[in-house]
Amino acid sequence: MIKQIMKIMLLILAVLLLTAPSALAQKKTGIQQVTITGNTAKLSFEPNKIYVTAGKPVKITVKNVGKEGLVFEIRRITGENWIGSGKSKTYELTFKKGTYTFYEEDRGYRGMNGKIIAR
């Protein structure tokens, strides 16, 4: 009886030891990832509304698929960043709870903008 209990305990311990590294890896790579595609010809960002978890790191990649360069900014978070045609820029950010506007500096007033909602 004691040998069976010991075998069960060893089995449980083995399962815990085998699953612990994957749990730790998940915590290390638990960064939310978002890709925003900008197209100056269509005056749009897709998606134009993004939900993230406040207080958790987010990797945001902005890809410019338009034929012209664009100047991307997240108001009060990043400065203006030039992204050439066919290029991308990646930001690693952590947002406080709230709503943040992102836009293309020259075309934002014509609809090339969006929102990041951190909740």
PDB file of N, CA and C in Angstrom:
ATOM      1  N   MET A   1       0.816  -1.200   0.000  1.00  0.00           N
ATOM      2  CA  MET A   1       0.000   0.000   0.000  1.00  0.00           C
ATOM      3  C   MET A   1       0.863   1.269   0.000  1.00  0.00           C
ATOM      4  N   ILE A   2       1.895   1.251   0.828  1.00  0.00           N
ATOM      5  CA  ILE A   2       2.780   2.406   0.920  1.00  0.00           C
ATOM      6  C   ILE A   2       3.532   2.581  -0.402  1.00  0.00           C
ATOM      7  N   LYS A   3       3.932   1.481  -1.026  1.00  0.00           N
ATOM      8  CA  LYS A   3       4.627   1.554  -2.312  1.00  0.00           C
ATOM      9  C   LYS A   3       3.733   2.161  -3.381  1.00  0.00           C
ATOM     10  N   GLN A   4       2.437   1.839  -3.364  1.00  0.00           N
ATOM     11  CA  GLN A   4       1.501   2.402  -4.342  1.00  0.00           C
ATOM     12  C   GLN A   4       1.335   3.903  -4.119  1.00  0.00           C
ATOM     13  N   ILE A   5       1.244   4.310  -2.870  1.00  0.00           N
ATOM     14  CA  ILE A   5       1.120   5.737  -2.549  1.00  0.00           C
ATOM     15  C   ILE A   5       2.381   6.475  -2.994  1.00  0.00           C
ATOM     16  N   MET A   6       3.548   5.889  -2.752  1.00  0.00           N
ATOM     17  CA  MET A   6       4.806   6.509  -3.157  1.00  0.00           C
ATOM     18  C   MET A   6       4.880   6.633  -4.687  1.00  0.00           C
ATOM     19  N   LYS A   7       4.439   5.602  -5.405  1.00  0.00           N
ATOM     20  CA  LYS A   7       4.434   5.650  -6.869  1.00  0.00           C
ATOM     21  C   LYS A   7       3.526   6.764  -7.374  1.00  0.00           C
ATOM     22  N   ILE A   8       2.355   6.895  -6.762  1.00  0.00           N
ATOM     23  CA  ILE A   8       1.414   7.951  -7.148  1.00  0.00           C
ATOM     24  C   ILE A   8       2.013   9.318  -6.875  1.00  0.00           C
ATOM     25  N   MET A   9       2.644   9.473  -5.717  1.00  0.00           N
ATOM     26  CA  MET A   9       3.261  10.760  -5.365  1.00  0.00           C
ATOM     27  C   MET A   9       4.395  11.091  -6.333  1.00  0.00           C
ATOM     28  N   LEU A  10       5.205  10.093  -6.692  1.00  0.00           N
ATOM     29  CA  LEU A  10       6.282  10.322  -7.656  1.00  0.00           C
ATOM     30  C   LEU A  10       5.728  10.697  -9.028  1.00  0.00           C
ATOM     31  N   LEU A  11       4.644  10.058  -9.422  1.00  0.00           N
ATOM     32  CA  LEU A  11       4.011  10.378 -10.690  1.00  0.00           C
ATOM     33  C   LEU A  11       3.506  11.819 -10.692  1.00  0.00           C
ATOM     34  N   ILE A  12       2.857  12.206  -9.609  1.00  0.00           N
ATOM     35  CA  ILE A  12       2.358  13.589  -9.488  1.00  0.00           C
ATOM     36  C   ILE A  12       3.520  14.578  -9.525  1.00  0.00           C
ATOM     37  N   LEU A  13       4.596  14.264  -8.810  1.00  0.00           N
ATOM     38  CA  LEU A  13       5.774  15.132  -8.796  1.00  0.00           C
ATOM     39  C   LEU A  13       6.371  15.249 -10.201  1.00  0.00           C
ATOM     40  N   ALA A  14       6.452  14.139 -10.907  1.00  0.00           N
ATOM     41  CA  ALA A  14       6.996  14.153 -12.269  1.00  0.00           C
ATOM     42  C   ALA A  14       6.152  15.031 -13.189  1.00  0.00           C
ATOM     43  N   VAL A  15       4.830  14.924 -13.074  1.00  0.00           N
ATOM     44  CA  VAL A  15       3.930  15.752 -13.893  1.00  0.00           C
ATOM     45  C   VAL A  15       4.132  17.227 -13.570  1.00  0.00           C
ATOM     46  N   LEU A  16       4.242  17.550 -12.300  1.00  0.00           N
ATOM     47  CA  LEU A  16       4.456  18.943 -11.902  1.00  0.00           C
ATOM     48  C   LEU A  16       5.783  19.474 -12.435  1.00  0.00           C
ATOM     49  N   LEU A  17       6.823  18.679 -12.342  1.00  0.00           N
ATOM     50  CA  LEU A  17       8.127  19.118 -12.831  1.00  0.00           C
ATOM     51  C   LEU A  17       8.153  19.273 -14.347  1.00  0.00           C
ATOM     52  N   LEU A  18       7.432  18.436 -15.042  1.00  0.00           N
ATOM     53  CA  LEU A  18       7.402  18.524 -16.502  1.00  0.00           C
ATOM     54  C   LEU A  18       6.582  19.709 -16.994  1.00  0.00           C
ATOM     55  N   THR A  19       5.542  20.085 -16.259  1.00  0.00           N
ATOM     56  CA  THR A  19       4.690  21.184 -16.707  1.00  0.00           C
ATOM     57  C   THR A  19       5.172  22.538 -16.207  1.00  0.00           C
ATOM     58  N   ALA A  20       6.000  22.588 -15.196  1.00  0.00           N
ATOM     59  CA  ALA A  20       6.467  23.867 -14.646  1.00  0.00           C
ATOM     60  C   ALA A  20       7.215  24.706 -15.673  1.00  0.00           C
ATOM     61  N   PRO A  21       8.157  24.148 -16.465  1.00  0.00           N
ATOM     62  CA  PRO A  21       8.854  24.989 -17.447  1.00  0.00           C
ATOM     63  C   PRO A  21       7.922  25.638 -18.458  1.00  0.00           C
ATOM     64  N   SER A  22       6.894  24.934 -18.914  1.00  0.00           N
ATOM     65  CA  SER A  22       5.984  25.534 -19.891  1.00  0.00           C
ATOM     66  C   SER A  22       5.162  26.642 -19.253  1.00  0.00           C
ATOM     67  N   ALA A  23       4.802  26.484 -17.993  1.00  0.00           N
ATOM     68  CA  ALA A  23       4.068  27.544 -17.302  1.00  0.00           C
ATOM     69  C   ALA A  23       4.946  28.772 -17.135  1.00  0.00           C
ATOM     70  N   LEU A  24       6.225  28.563 -16.805  1.00  0.00           N
ATOM     71  CA  LEU A  24       7.139  29.697 -16.673  1.00  0.00           C
ATOM     72  C   LEU A  24       7.373  30.373 -18.017  1.00  0.00           C
ATOM     73  N   ALA A  25       7.521  29.587 -19.058  1.00  0.00           N
ATOM     74  CA  ALA A  25       7.715  30.156 -20.394  1.00  0.00           C
ATOM     75  C   ALA A  25       6.506  30.975 -20.806  1.00  0.00           C
ATOM     76  N   GLN A  26       5.315  30.503 -20.483  1.00  0.00           N
ATOM     77  CA  GLN A  26       4.100  31.237 -20.831  1.00  0.00           C
ATOM     78  C   GLN A  26       4.074  32.573 -20.107  1.00  0.00           C
ATOM     79  N   LYS A  27       4.492  32.589 -18.846  1.00  0.00           N
ATOM     80  CA  LYS A  27       4.537  33.852 -18.111  1.00  0.00           C
ATOM     81  C   LYS A  27       5.546  34.801 -18.736  1.00  0.00           C
ATOM     82  N   LYS A  28       6.690  34.269 -19.167  1.00  0.00           N
ATOM     83  CA  LYS A  28       7.720  35.111 -19.771  1.00  0.00           C
ATOM     84  C   LYS A  28       7.277  35.667 -21.119  1.00  0.00           C
ATOM     85  N   THR A  29       6.530  34.891 -21.877  1.00  0.00           N
ATOM     86  CA  THR A  29       6.104  35.343 -23.200  1.00  0.00           C
ATOM     87  C   THR A  29       4.646  35.794 -23.191  1.00  0.00           C
ATOM     88  N   GLY A  30       4.112  36.105 -22.040  1.00  0.00           N
ATOM     89  CA  GLY A  30       2.715  36.492 -21.923  1.00  0.00           C
ATOM     90  C   GLY A  30       2.432  37.903 -22.417  1.00  0.00           C
ATOM     91  N   ILE A  31       3.227  38.386 -23.346  1.00  0.00           N
ATOM     92  CA  ILE A  31       3.037  39.723 -23.909  1.00  0.00           C
ATOM     93  C   ILE A  31       1.945  39.652 -24.967  1.00  0.00           C
ATOM     94  N   GLN A  32       0.959  40.529 -24.824  1.00  0.00           N
ATOM     95  CA  GLN A  32      -0.081  40.597 -25.849  1.00  0.00           C
ATOM     96  C   GLN A  32       0.538  41.178 -27.106  1.00  0.00           C
ATOM     97  N   GLN A  33       0.216  40.590 -28.256  1.00  0.00           N
ATOM     98  CA  GLN A  33       0.774  41.067 -29.519  1.00  0.00           C
ATOM     99  C   GLN A  33      -0.326  41.548 -30.446  1.00  0.00           C
ATOM    100  N   VAL A  34      -0.097  42.721 -31.021  1.00  0.00           N
ATOM    101  CA  VAL A  34      -1.083  43.349 -31.890  1.00  0.00           C
ATOM    102  C   VAL A  34      -0.363  43.843 -33.140  1.00  0.00           C
ATOM    103  N   THR A  35      -0.987  43.659 -34.304  1.00  0.00           N
ATOM    104  CA  THR A  35      -0.457  44.222 -35.542  1.00  0.00           C
ATOM    105  C   THR A  35      -1.490  45.183 -36.101  1.00  0.00           C
ATOM    106  N   ILE A  36      -1.035  46.390 -36.387  1.00  0.00           N
ATOM    107  CA  ILE A  36      -1.873  47.418 -37.012  1.00  0.00           C
ATOM    108  C   ILE A  36      -1.326  47.625 -38.421  1.00  0.00           C
ATOM    109  N   THR A  37      -2.206  47.523 -39.408  1.00  0.00           N
ATOM    110  CA  THR A  37      -1.798  47.720 -40.799  1.00  0.00           C
ATOM    111  C   THR A  37      -2.280  49.085 -41.265  1.00  0.00           C
ATOM    112  N   GLY A  38      -1.346  49.911 -41.691  1.00  0.00           N
ATOM    113  CA  GLY A  38      -1.678  51.238 -42.187  1.00  0.00           C
ATOM    114  C   GLY A  38      -1.628  51.276 -43.705  1.00  0.00           C
ATOM    115  N   ASN A  39      -2.639  51.929 -44.306  1.00  0.00           N
ATOM    116  CA  ASN A  39      -2.689  52.043 -45.758  1.00  0.00           C
ATOM    117  C   ASN A  39      -3.052  53.488 -46.101  1.00  0.00           C
ATOM    118  N   THR A  40      -2.071  54.240 -46.567  1.00  0.00           N
ATOM    119  CA  THR A  40      -2.306  55.656 -46.864  1.00  0.00           C
ATOM    120  C   THR A  40      -3.255  55.853 -48.046  1.00  0.00           C
ATOM    121  N   ALA A  41      -3.272  54.919 -48.998  1.00  0.00           N
ATOM    122  CA  ALA A  41      -4.181  55.051 -50.146  1.00  0.00           C
ATOM    123  C   ALA A  41      -5.637  54.938 -49.706  1.00  0.00           C
ATOM    124  N   LYS A  42      -5.909  54.087 -48.720  1.00  0.00           N
ATOM    125  CA  LYS A  42      -7.275  53.911 -48.212  1.00  0.00           C
ATOM    126  C   LYS A  42      -7.562  54.779 -46.997  1.00  0.00           C
ATOM    127  N   LEU A  43      -6.543  55.538 -46.560  1.00  0.00           N
ATOM    128  CA  LEU A  43      -6.669  56.382 -45.364  1.00  0.00           C
ATOM    129  C   LEU A  43      -7.213  55.577 -44.181  1.00  0.00           C
ATOM    130  N   SER A  44      -6.584  54.426 -43.919  1.00  0.00           N
ATOM    131  CA  SER A  44      -7.116  53.571 -42.861  1.00  0.00           C
ATOM    132  C   SER A  44      -6.025  52.837 -42.103  1.00  0.00           C
ATOM    133  N   PHE A  45      -6.388  52.467 -40.867  1.00  0.00           N
ATOM    134  CA  PHE A  45      -5.634  51.523 -40.061  1.00  0.00           C
ATOM    135  C   PHE A  45      -6.565  50.359 -39.781  1.00  0.00           C
ATOM    136  N   GLU A  46      -6.042  49.155 -39.881  1.00  0.00           N
ATOM    137  CA  GLU A  46      -6.816  47.953 -39.550  1.00  0.00           C
ATOM    138  C   GLU A  46      -6.039  47.125 -38.555  1.00  0.00           C
ATOM    139  N   PRO A  47      -6.607  46.778 -37.431  1.00  0.00           N
ATOM    140  CA  PRO A  47      -7.901  47.255 -36.943  1.00  0.00           C
ATOM    141  C   PRO A  47      -7.760  48.690 -36.453  1.00  0.00           C
ATOM    142  N   ASN A  48      -8.884  49.356 -36.349  1.00  0.00           N
ATOM    143  CA  ASN A  48      -8.836  50.735 -35.846  1.00  0.00           C
ATOM    144  C   ASN A  48      -9.349  50.831 -34.407  1.00  0.00           C
ATOM    145  N   LYS A  49      -9.678  49.708 -33.817  1.00  0.00           N
ATOM    146  CA  LYS A  49     -10.036  49.659 -32.399  1.00  0.00           C
ATOM    147  C   LYS A  49      -9.388  48.409 -31.816  1.00  0.00           C
ATOM    148  N   ILE A  50      -8.567  48.614 -30.780  1.00  0.00           N
ATOM    149  CA  ILE A  50      -7.799  47.527 -30.182  1.00  0.00           C
ATOM    150  C   ILE A  50      -8.042  47.523 -28.679  1.00  0.00           C
ATOM    151  N   TYR A  51      -8.275  46.340 -28.132  1.00  0.00           N
ATOM    152  CA  TYR A  51      -8.451  46.180 -26.693  1.00  0.00           C
ATOM    153  C   TYR A  51      -7.226  45.487 -26.115  1.00  0.00           C
ATOM    154  N   VAL A  52      -6.654  46.070 -25.058  1.00  0.00           N
ATOM    155  CA  VAL A  52      -5.503  45.483 -24.386  1.00  0.00           C
ATOM    156  C   VAL A  52      -5.786  45.441 -22.889  1.00  0.00           C
ATOM    157  N   THR A  53      -4.979  44.676 -22.173  1.00  0.00           N
ATOM    158  CA  THR A  53      -5.113  44.576 -20.727  1.00  0.00           C
ATOM    159  C   THR A  53      -4.229  45.630 -20.078  1.00  0.00           C
ATOM    160  N   ALA A  54      -4.836  46.510 -19.299  1.00  0.00           N
ATOM    161  CA  ALA A  54      -4.090  47.567 -18.616  1.00  0.00           C
ATOM    162  C   ALA A  54      -3.066  46.943 -17.670  1.00  0.00           C
ATOM    163  N   GLY A  55      -1.882  47.541 -17.628  1.00  0.00           N
ATOM    164  CA  GLY A  55      -0.837  47.082 -16.732  1.00  0.00           C
ATOM    165  C   GLY A  55      -0.041  45.894 -17.236  1.00  0.00           C
ATOM    166  N   LYS A  56      -0.386  45.355 -18.386  1.00  0.00           N
ATOM    167  CA  LYS A  56       0.330  44.210 -18.961  1.00  0.00           C
ATOM    168  C   LYS A  56       1.068  44.668 -20.215  1.00  0.00           C
ATOM    169  N   PRO A  57       2.245  44.147 -20.464  1.00  0.00           N
ATOM    170  CA  PRO A  57       2.997  44.568 -21.655  1.00  0.00           C
ATOM    171  C   PRO A  57       2.301  44.175 -22.956  1.00  0.00           C
ATOM    172  N   VAL A  58       2.444  45.052 -23.938  1.00  0.00           N
ATOM    173  CA  VAL A  58       1.855  44.841 -25.260  1.00  0.00           C
ATOM    174  C   VAL A  58       2.925  45.136 -26.302  1.00  0.00           C
ATOM    175  N   LYS A  59       3.047  44.252 -27.278  1.00  0.00           N
ATOM    176  CA  LYS A  59       3.937  44.501 -28.413  1.00  0.00           C
ATOM    177  C   LYS A  59       3.041  44.882 -29.579  1.00  0.00           C
ATOM    178  N   ILE A  60       3.189  46.109 -30.044  1.00  0.00           N
ATOM    179  CA  ILE A  60       2.389  46.619 -31.157  1.00  0.00           C
ATOM    180  C   ILE A  60       3.304  46.809 -32.360  1.00  0.00           C
ATOM    181  N   THR A  61       2.964  46.128 -33.447  1.00  0.00           N
ATOM    182  CA  THR A  61       3.709  46.289 -34.691  1.00  0.00           C
ATOM    183  C   THR A  61       2.823  47.028 -35.679  1.00  0.00           C
ATOM    184  N   VAL A  62       3.341  48.134 -36.200  1.00  0.00           N
ATOM    185  CA  VAL A  62       2.615  48.914 -37.205  1.00  0.00           C
ATOM    186  C   VAL A  62       3.278  48.654 -38.549  1.00  0.00           C
ATOM    187  N   LYS A  63       2.494  48.095 -39.482  1.00  0.00           N
ATOM    188  CA  LYS A  63       2.990  47.795 -40.830  1.00  0.00           C
ATOM    189  C   LYS A  63       2.394  48.795 -41.805  1.00  0.00           C
ATOM    190  N   ASN A  64       3.237  49.358 -42.636  1.00  0.00           N
ATOM    191  CA  ASN A  64       2.782  50.290 -43.661  1.00  0.00           C
ATOM    192  C   ASN A  64       2.711  49.550 -44.993  1.00  0.00           C
ATOM    193  N   VAL A  65       1.492  49.281 -45.452  1.00  0.00           N
ATOM    194  CA  VAL A  65       1.311  48.604 -46.744  1.00  0.00           C
ATOM    195  C   VAL A  65       0.997  49.592 -47.864  1.00  0.00           C
ATOM    196  N   GLY A  66       0.973  50.867 -47.540  1.00  0.00           N
ATOM    197  CA  GLY A  66       0.703  51.891 -48.549  1.00  0.00           C
ATOM    198  C   GLY A  66       1.920  52.164 -49.405  1.00  0.00           C
ATOM    199  N   LYS A  67       1.711  52.929 -50.475  1.00  0.00           N
ATOM    200  CA  LYS A  67       2.802  53.277 -51.392  1.00  0.00           C
ATOM    201  C   LYS A  67       3.587  54.497 -50.919  1.00  0.00           C
ATOM    202  N   GLU A  68       3.040  55.188 -49.921  1.00  0.00           N
ATOM    203  CA  GLU A  68       3.713  56.358 -49.355  1.00  0.00           C
ATOM    204  C   GLU A  68       4.070  56.074 -47.905  1.00  0.00           C
ATOM    205  N   GLY A  69       5.089  56.781 -47.423  1.00  0.00           N
ATOM    206  CA  GLY A  69       5.436  56.678 -46.013  1.00  0.00           C
ATOM    207  C   GLY A  69       4.346  57.295 -45.153  1.00  0.00           C
ATOM    208  N   LEU A  70       4.358  56.941 -43.866  1.00  0.00           N
ATOM    209  CA  LEU A  70       3.401  57.551 -42.945  1.00  0.00           C
ATOM    210  C   LEU A  70       4.100  57.904 -41.643  1.00  0.00           C
ATOM    211  N   VAL A  71       3.506  58.837 -40.918  1.00  0.00           N
ATOM    212  CA  VAL A  71       4.023  59.261 -39.620  1.00  0.00           C
ATOM    213  C   VAL A  71       3.021  58.796 -38.573  1.00  0.00           C
ATOM    214  N   PHE A  72       3.406  57.775 -37.801  1.00  0.00           N
ATOM    215  CA  PHE A  72       2.510  57.153 -36.828  1.00  0.00           C
ATOM    216  C   PHE A  72       2.798  57.692 -35.431  1.00  0.00           C
ATOM    217  N   GLU A  73       1.714  57.901 -34.685  1.00  0.00           N
ATOM    218  CA  GLU A  73       1.869  58.351 -33.292  1.00  0.00           C
ATOM    219  C   GLU A  73       0.712  57.818 -32.453  1.00  0.00           C
ATOM    220  N   ILE A  74       1.027  57.410 -31.226  1.00  0.00           N
ATOM    221  CA  ILE A  74       0.004  57.135 -30.217  1.00  0.00           C
ATOM    222  C   ILE A  74       0.053  58.324 -29.274  1.00  0.00           C
ATOM    223  N   ARG A  75      -1.011  59.090 -29.271  1.00  0.00           N
ATOM    224  CA  ARG A  75      -1.047  60.349 -28.516  1.00  0.00           C
ATOM    225  C   ARG A  75      -0.654  60.125 -27.052  1.00  0.00           C
ATOM    226  N   ARG A  76       0.253  60.943 -26.562  1.00  0.00           N
ATOM    227  CA  ARG A  76       0.756  60.951 -25.180  1.00  0.00           C
ATOM    228  C   ARG A  76       1.599  59.727 -24.827  1.00  0.00           C
ATOM    229  N   ILE A  77       1.874  58.855 -25.798  1.00  0.00           N
ATOM    230  CA  ILE A  77       2.649  57.653 -25.497  1.00  0.00           C
ATOM    231  C   ILE A  77       3.941  57.610 -26.324  1.00  0.00           C
ATOM    232  N   THR A  78       3.817  57.711 -27.626  1.00  0.00           N
ATOM    233  CA  THR A  78       5.007  57.681 -28.490  1.00  0.00           C
ATOM    234  C   THR A  78       5.164  59.048 -29.127  1.00  0.00           C
ATOM    235  N   GLY A  79       6.297  59.314 -29.624  1.00  0.00           N
ATOM    236  CA  GLY A  79       6.471  60.495 -30.451  1.00  0.00           C
ATOM    237  C   GLY A  79       6.066  60.150 -31.868  1.00  0.00           C
ATOM    238  N   GLU A  80       6.321  61.077 -32.780  1.00  0.00           N
ATOM    239  CA  GLU A  80       6.039  60.817 -34.193  1.00  0.00           C
ATOM    240  C   GLU A  80       7.112  59.875 -34.733  1.00  0.00           C
ATOM    241  N   ASN A  81       6.690  58.856 -35.456  1.00  0.00           N
ATOM    242  CA  ASN A  81       7.624  57.885 -36.017  1.00  0.00           C
ATOM    243  C   ASN A  81       7.357  57.680 -37.493  1.00  0.00           C
ATOM    244  N   TRP A  82       8.380  57.910 -38.309  1.00  0.00           N
ATOM    245  CA  TRP A  82       8.282  57.720 -39.747  1.00  0.00           C
ATOM    246  C   TRP A  82       8.357  56.231 -40.043  1.00  0.00           C
ATOM    247  N   ILE A  83       7.402  55.731 -40.826  1.00  0.00           N
ATOM    248  CA  ILE A  83       7.416  54.338 -41.267  1.00  0.00           C
ATOM    249  C   ILE A  83       7.303  54.364 -42.785  1.00  0.00           C
ATOM    250  N   GLY A  84       8.365  53.971 -43.457  1.00  0.00           N
ATOM    251  CA  GLY A  84       8.396  53.991 -44.914  1.00  0.00           C
ATOM    252  C   GLY A  84       7.472  52.953 -45.530  1.00  0.00           C
ATOM    253  N   SER A  85       7.200  53.121 -46.801  1.00  0.00           N
ATOM    254  CA  SER A  85       6.365  52.180 -47.553  1.00  0.00           C
ATOM    255  C   SER A  85       6.970  50.784 -47.470  1.00  0.00           C
ATOM    256  N   GLY A  86       6.144  49.796 -47.110  1.00  0.00           N
ATOM    257  CA  GLY A  86       6.603  48.421 -46.995  1.00  0.00           C
ATOM    258  C   GLY A  86       7.387  48.119 -45.725  1.00  0.00           C
ATOM    259  N   LYS A  87       7.497  49.069 -44.840  1.00  0.00           N
ATOM    260  CA  LYS A  87       8.272  48.898 -43.603  1.00  0.00           C
ATOM    261  C   LYS A  87       7.336  48.744 -42.408  1.00  0.00           C
ATOM    262  N   SER A  88       7.921  48.440 -41.263  1.00  0.00           N
ATOM    263  CA  SER A  88       7.131  48.332 -40.031  1.00  0.00           C
ATOM    264  C   SER A  88       7.945  48.860 -38.858  1.00  0.00           C
ATOM    265  N   LYS A  89       7.235  49.153 -37.793  1.00  0.00           N
ATOM    266  CA  LYS A  89       7.849  49.635 -36.546  1.00  0.00           C
ATOM    267  C   LYS A  89       7.159  48.911 -35.409  1.00  0.00           C
ATOM    268  N   THR A  90       7.940  48.437 -34.437  1.00  0.00           N
ATOM    269  CA  THR A  90       7.381  47.715 -33.303  1.00  0.00           C
ATOM    270  C   THR A  90       7.629  48.498 -32.020  1.00  0.00           C
ATOM    271  N   TYR A  91       6.586  48.566 -31.212  1.00  0.00           N
ATOM    272  CA  TYR A  91       6.636  49.230 -29.907  1.00  0.00           C
ATOM    273  C   TYR A  91       6.345  48.191 -28.838  1.00  0.00           C
ATOM    274  N   GLU A  92       7.036  48.279 -27.719  1.00  0.00           N
ATOM    275  CA  GLU A  92       6.704  47.460 -26.553  1.00  0.00           C
ATOM    276  C   GLU A  92       6.281  48.431 -25.465  1.00  0.00           C
ATOM    277  N   LEU A  93       4.993  48.377 -25.131  1.00  0.00           N
ATOM    278  CA  LEU A  93       4.401  49.373 -24.243  1.00  0.00           C
ATOM    279  C   LEU A  93       3.555  48.703 -23.160  1.00  0.00           C
ATOM    280  N   THR A  94       3.312  49.444 -22.091  1.00  0.00           N
ATOM    281  CA  THR A  94       2.366  49.036 -21.061  1.00  0.00           C
ATOM    282  C   THR A  94       1.435  50.217 -20.839  1.00  0.00           C
ATOM    283  N   PHE A  95       0.138  49.993 -20.976  1.00  0.00           N
ATOM    284  CA  PHE A  95      -0.848  51.066 -20.881  1.00  0.00           C
ATOM    285  C   PHE A  95      -1.524  51.065 -19.514  1.00  0.00           C
ATOM    286  N   LYS A  96      -1.778  52.252 -19.017  1.00  0.00           N
ATOM    287  CA  LYS A  96      -2.660  52.400 -17.860  1.00  0.00           C
ATOM    288  C   LYS A  96      -4.093  52.319 -18.379  1.00  0.00           C
ATOM    289  N   LYS A  97      -5.023  52.060 -17.481  1.00  0.00           N
ATOM    290  CA  LYS A  97      -6.431  51.995 -17.878  1.00  0.00           C
ATOM    291  C   LYS A  97      -6.842  53.302 -18.549  1.00  0.00           C
ATOM    292  N   GLY A  98      -7.496  53.192 -19.704  1.00  0.00           N
ATOM    293  CA  GLY A  98      -7.925  54.384 -20.427  1.00  0.00           C
ATOM    294  C   GLY A  98      -8.022  54.132 -21.918  1.00  0.00           C
ATOM    295  N   THR A  99      -8.315  55.207 -22.656  1.00  0.00           N
ATOM    296  CA  THR A  99      -8.438  55.147 -24.111  1.00  0.00           C
ATOM    297  C   THR A  99      -7.362  56.031 -24.718  1.00  0.00           C
ATOM    298  N   TYR A 100      -6.671  55.488 -25.693  1.00  0.00           N
ATOM    299  CA  TYR A 100      -5.562  56.175 -26.334  1.00  0.00           C
ATOM    300  C   TYR A 100      -5.827  56.249 -27.834  1.00  0.00           C
ATOM    301  N   THR A 101      -5.552  57.405 -28.414  1.00  0.00           N
ATOM    302  CA  THR A 101      -5.770  57.609 -29.846  1.00  0.00           C
ATOM    303  C   THR A 101      -4.458  57.415 -30.596  1.00  0.00           C
ATOM    304  N   PHE A 102      -4.509  56.631 -31.677  1.00  0.00           N
ATOM    305  CA  PHE A 102      -3.362  56.563 -32.576  1.00  0.00           C
ATOM    306  C   PHE A 102      -3.799  57.132 -33.916  1.00  0.00           C
ATOM    307  N   TYR A 103      -2.848  57.717 -34.636  1.00  0.00           N
ATOM    308  CA  TYR A 103      -3.208  58.386 -35.884  1.00  0.00           C
ATOM    309  C   TYR A 103      -1.983  58.567 -36.766  1.00  0.00           C
ATOM    310  N   GLU A 104      -2.258  58.869 -38.011  1.00  0.00           N
ATOM    311  CA  GLU A 104      -1.226  59.255 -38.963  1.00  0.00           C
ATOM    312  C   GLU A 104      -1.173  60.768 -38.928  1.00  0.00           C
ATOM    313  N   GLU A 105      -0.014  61.296 -38.689  1.00  0.00           N
ATOM    314  CA  GLU A 105       0.162  62.731 -38.445  1.00  0.00           C
ATOM    315  C   GLU A 105      -0.470  63.628 -39.513  1.00  0.00           C
ATOM    316  N   ASP A 106      -0.297  63.313 -40.794  1.00  0.00           N
ATOM    317  CA  ASP A 106      -0.799  64.176 -41.863  1.00  0.00           C
ATOM    318  C   ASP A 106      -2.214  63.823 -42.308  1.00  0.00           C
ATOM    319  N   ARG A 107      -2.663  62.586 -42.025  1.00  0.00           N
ATOM    320  CA  ARG A 107      -3.952  62.129 -42.550  1.00  0.00           C
ATOM    321  C   ARG A 107      -4.949  61.764 -41.458  1.00  0.00           C
ATOM    322  N   GLY A 108      -4.575  61.922 -40.226  1.00  0.00           N
ATOM    323  CA  GLY A 108      -5.442  61.535 -39.112  1.00  0.00           C
ATOM    324  C   GLY A 108      -6.779  62.247 -39.106  1.00  0.00           C
ATOM    325  N   TYR A 109      -6.773  63.497 -39.484  1.00  0.00           N
ATOM    326  CA  TYR A 109      -8.021  64.276 -39.521  1.00  0.00           C
ATOM    327  C   TYR A 109      -8.951  63.791 -40.627  1.00  0.00           C
ATOM    328  N   ARG A 110      -8.423  63.024 -41.586  1.00  0.00           N
ATOM    329  CA  ARG A 110      -9.255  62.496 -42.674  1.00  0.00           C
ATOM    330  C   ARG A 110      -9.667  61.052 -42.424  1.00  0.00           C
ATOM    331  N   GLY A 111      -9.519  60.590 -41.220  1.00  0.00           N
ATOM    332  CA  GLY A 111      -9.988  59.257 -40.868  1.00  0.00           C
ATOM    333  C   GLY A 111      -8.902  58.229 -40.631  1.00  0.00           C
ATOM    334  N   MET A 112      -7.661  58.592 -40.805  1.00  0.00           N
ATOM    335  CA  MET A 112      -6.580  57.617 -40.597  1.00  0.00           C
ATOM    336  C   MET A 112      -6.170  57.659 -39.134  1.00  0.00           C
ATOM    337  N   ASN A 113      -7.041  57.076 -38.300  1.00  0.00           N
ATOM    338  CA  ASN A 113      -6.823  57.063 -36.862  1.00  0.00           C
ATOM    339  C   ASN A 113      -7.536  55.871 -36.236  1.00  0.00           C
ATOM    340  N   GLY A 114      -7.307  55.681 -34.964  1.00  0.00           N
ATOM    341  CA  GLY A 114      -7.961  54.580 -34.257  1.00  0.00           C
ATOM    342  C   GLY A 114      -7.797  54.742 -32.751  1.00  0.00           C
ATOM    343  N   LYS A 115      -8.265  53.739 -32.012  1.00  0.00           N
ATOM    344  CA  LYS A 115      -8.244  53.778 -30.544  1.00  0.00           C
ATOM    345  C   LYS A 115      -7.634  52.503 -29.978  1.00  0.00           C
ATOM    346  N   ILE A 116      -6.895  52.674 -28.899  1.00  0.00           N
ATOM    347  CA  ILE A 116      -6.440  51.558 -28.078  1.00  0.00           C
ATOM    348  C   ILE A 116      -7.168  51.705 -26.759  1.00  0.00           C
ATOM    349  N   ILE A 117      -7.915  50.701 -26.366  1.00  0.00           N
ATOM    350  CA  ILE A 117      -8.670  50.748 -25.119  1.00  0.00           C
ATOM    351  C   ILE A 117      -8.026  49.768 -24.146  1.00  0.00           C
ATOM    352  N   ALA A 118      -7.474  50.313 -23.077  1.00  0.00           N
ATOM    353  CA  ALA A 118      -6.847  49.484 -22.042  1.00  0.00           C
ATOM    354  C   ALA A 118      -7.816  49.354 -20.887  1.00  0.00           C
ATOM    355  N   ARG A 119      -8.157  48.103 -20.589  1.00  0.00           N
ATOM    356  CA  ARG A 119      -9.108  47.882 -19.487  1.00  0.00           C
ATOM    357  C   ARG A 119      -8.629  46.809 -18.547  1.00  0.00           C
TER     358      ARG A 119
END
